Protein backbone atom coordinates (compact mmCIF):
# COMPACT_ATOMS: atom_id res chain seq x y z
CA MET A 1 -21.20 -6.75 11.09
CA ARG A 2 -19.93 -3.24 10.25
CA LEU A 3 -17.53 -3.09 7.26
CA ALA A 4 -15.32 -0.29 6.11
CA ALA A 5 -13.85 -0.24 2.64
CA LEU A 6 -10.84 1.79 1.64
CA ALA A 7 -9.19 2.18 -1.84
CA ASP A 8 -6.50 4.13 -3.48
CA ILE A 9 -4.47 4.93 -0.36
CA HIS A 10 -1.36 5.22 -2.50
CA GLY A 11 1.11 5.30 0.41
CA ASN A 12 -0.39 8.38 2.01
CA GLY A 13 0.01 7.73 5.73
CA GLU A 14 -1.28 11.12 6.82
CA ALA A 15 -4.51 10.71 4.94
CA LEU A 16 -4.94 7.05 6.10
CA ARG A 17 -4.49 8.10 9.72
CA ALA A 18 -7.11 10.78 9.31
CA VAL A 19 -9.57 8.32 7.70
CA LEU A 20 -9.00 5.81 10.44
CA ALA A 21 -9.48 8.42 13.13
CA ASP A 22 -12.79 9.44 11.51
CA LEU A 23 -13.82 5.82 11.27
CA ASP A 24 -13.07 5.37 14.94
CA ALA A 25 -14.99 8.47 15.78
CA CYS A 26 -18.01 7.11 13.97
CA GLY A 27 -18.00 3.81 15.88
CA GLY A 28 -15.42 1.82 14.04
CA ALA A 29 -15.79 -1.28 11.90
CA ASP A 30 -15.66 -4.95 12.59
CA ARG A 31 -13.64 -5.53 9.39
CA LEU A 32 -11.51 -3.29 7.20
CA LEU A 33 -11.51 -4.09 3.54
CA VAL A 34 -8.86 -2.72 1.19
CA LEU A 35 -9.64 -2.42 -2.40
CA GLY A 36 -6.14 -1.99 -3.87
CA ASP A 37 -3.60 0.63 -4.73
CA VAL A 38 -2.10 0.58 -1.28
CA VAL A 39 1.49 1.82 -1.35
CA LEU A 40 2.82 3.04 -4.71
CA LEU A 41 3.28 6.76 -5.31
CA GLY A 42 3.00 8.13 -1.76
CA PRO A 43 5.57 9.06 0.90
CA ASP A 44 4.64 6.54 3.63
CA PRO A 45 4.31 3.10 2.09
CA GLY A 46 5.66 1.21 5.09
CA GLU A 47 3.49 3.13 7.58
CA VAL A 48 0.39 2.49 5.44
CA VAL A 49 0.93 -1.24 5.50
CA ASP A 50 1.75 -1.23 9.22
CA LEU A 51 -1.56 0.66 9.92
CA LEU A 52 -3.57 -1.81 7.88
CA LEU A 53 -1.90 -4.80 9.45
CA GLU A 54 -2.68 -3.43 12.90
CA ARG A 55 -6.34 -3.43 11.90
CA GLU A 56 -6.10 -6.84 10.32
CA ALA A 57 -7.30 -5.50 7.03
CA ILE A 58 -7.94 -7.80 4.18
CA GLY A 59 -8.43 -7.01 0.51
CA VAL A 60 -7.27 -7.28 -3.04
CA ALA A 61 -4.34 -6.00 -4.94
CA GLY A 62 -4.80 -3.02 -7.22
CA ASN A 63 -3.08 -2.27 -10.47
CA THR A 64 -0.30 -0.34 -8.82
CA ASP A 65 0.23 -3.09 -6.23
CA SER A 66 0.48 -5.60 -9.04
CA PHE A 67 2.83 -3.34 -10.98
CA LEU A 68 5.13 -3.08 -7.90
CA LEU A 69 5.17 -6.78 -7.20
CA ALA A 70 5.10 -8.29 -10.70
CA THR A 71 8.73 -7.46 -11.50
CA ASP A 72 11.96 -8.23 -9.57
CA TRP A 73 12.93 -4.53 -9.57
CA ARG A 74 16.21 -5.38 -7.68
CA ALA A 75 17.40 -7.59 -10.56
CA CYS A 76 15.91 -6.04 -13.68
CA GLU A 77 17.93 -3.93 -16.16
CA PRO A 78 15.97 -0.94 -17.45
CA GLN A 79 15.96 -0.65 -21.26
CA ASN A 80 14.83 3.02 -21.47
CA GLU A 81 14.27 6.16 -19.39
CA GLU A 82 10.67 5.16 -18.52
CA GLU A 83 11.72 1.77 -17.22
CA HIS A 84 14.62 3.41 -15.32
CA ALA A 85 12.14 5.83 -13.59
CA ASP A 86 9.77 2.92 -12.82
CA GLN A 87 12.59 0.92 -11.31
CA ALA A 88 13.77 3.90 -9.15
CA LEU A 89 10.24 4.51 -7.81
CA CYS A 90 9.60 0.84 -7.11
CA LEU A 91 12.99 0.32 -5.43
CA TRP A 92 12.33 3.37 -3.21
CA VAL A 93 8.98 1.81 -2.19
CA LEU A 94 10.39 -1.64 -1.61
CA GLU A 95 13.18 -0.26 0.54
CA ARG A 96 10.45 1.04 2.86
CA LEU A 97 8.65 -2.26 3.11
CA ASP A 98 9.64 -5.22 5.23
CA ALA A 99 9.09 -8.79 4.21
CA ARG A 100 5.81 -9.01 6.20
CA ALA A 101 4.53 -5.95 4.34
CA GLU A 102 5.47 -7.42 0.92
CA ASP A 103 3.84 -10.69 1.78
CA TRP A 104 0.62 -8.95 2.87
CA LEU A 105 0.56 -6.98 -0.40
């Protein structure tokens, strides 16, 4: 069985597409493993999850994935500027993920 492991994608769809194209050019993999930090901080969080779901990727949550999902950002009330910035970033990402993507994460 051929395994491919990816980590720290951080919502970068362009980079993920390039990596997957290179993987395919090298013969592909039977299973794609994701080692966390999938969507937060990059411009294409929804696309990244869609690409990984198309490949039936499995994996573990990274610290940024846990940060994104550990709080109900839609309901929280920030107490300071840092929390406000965190909320704005997380809401931006969550708006680009559907329920299936959130469940997968």
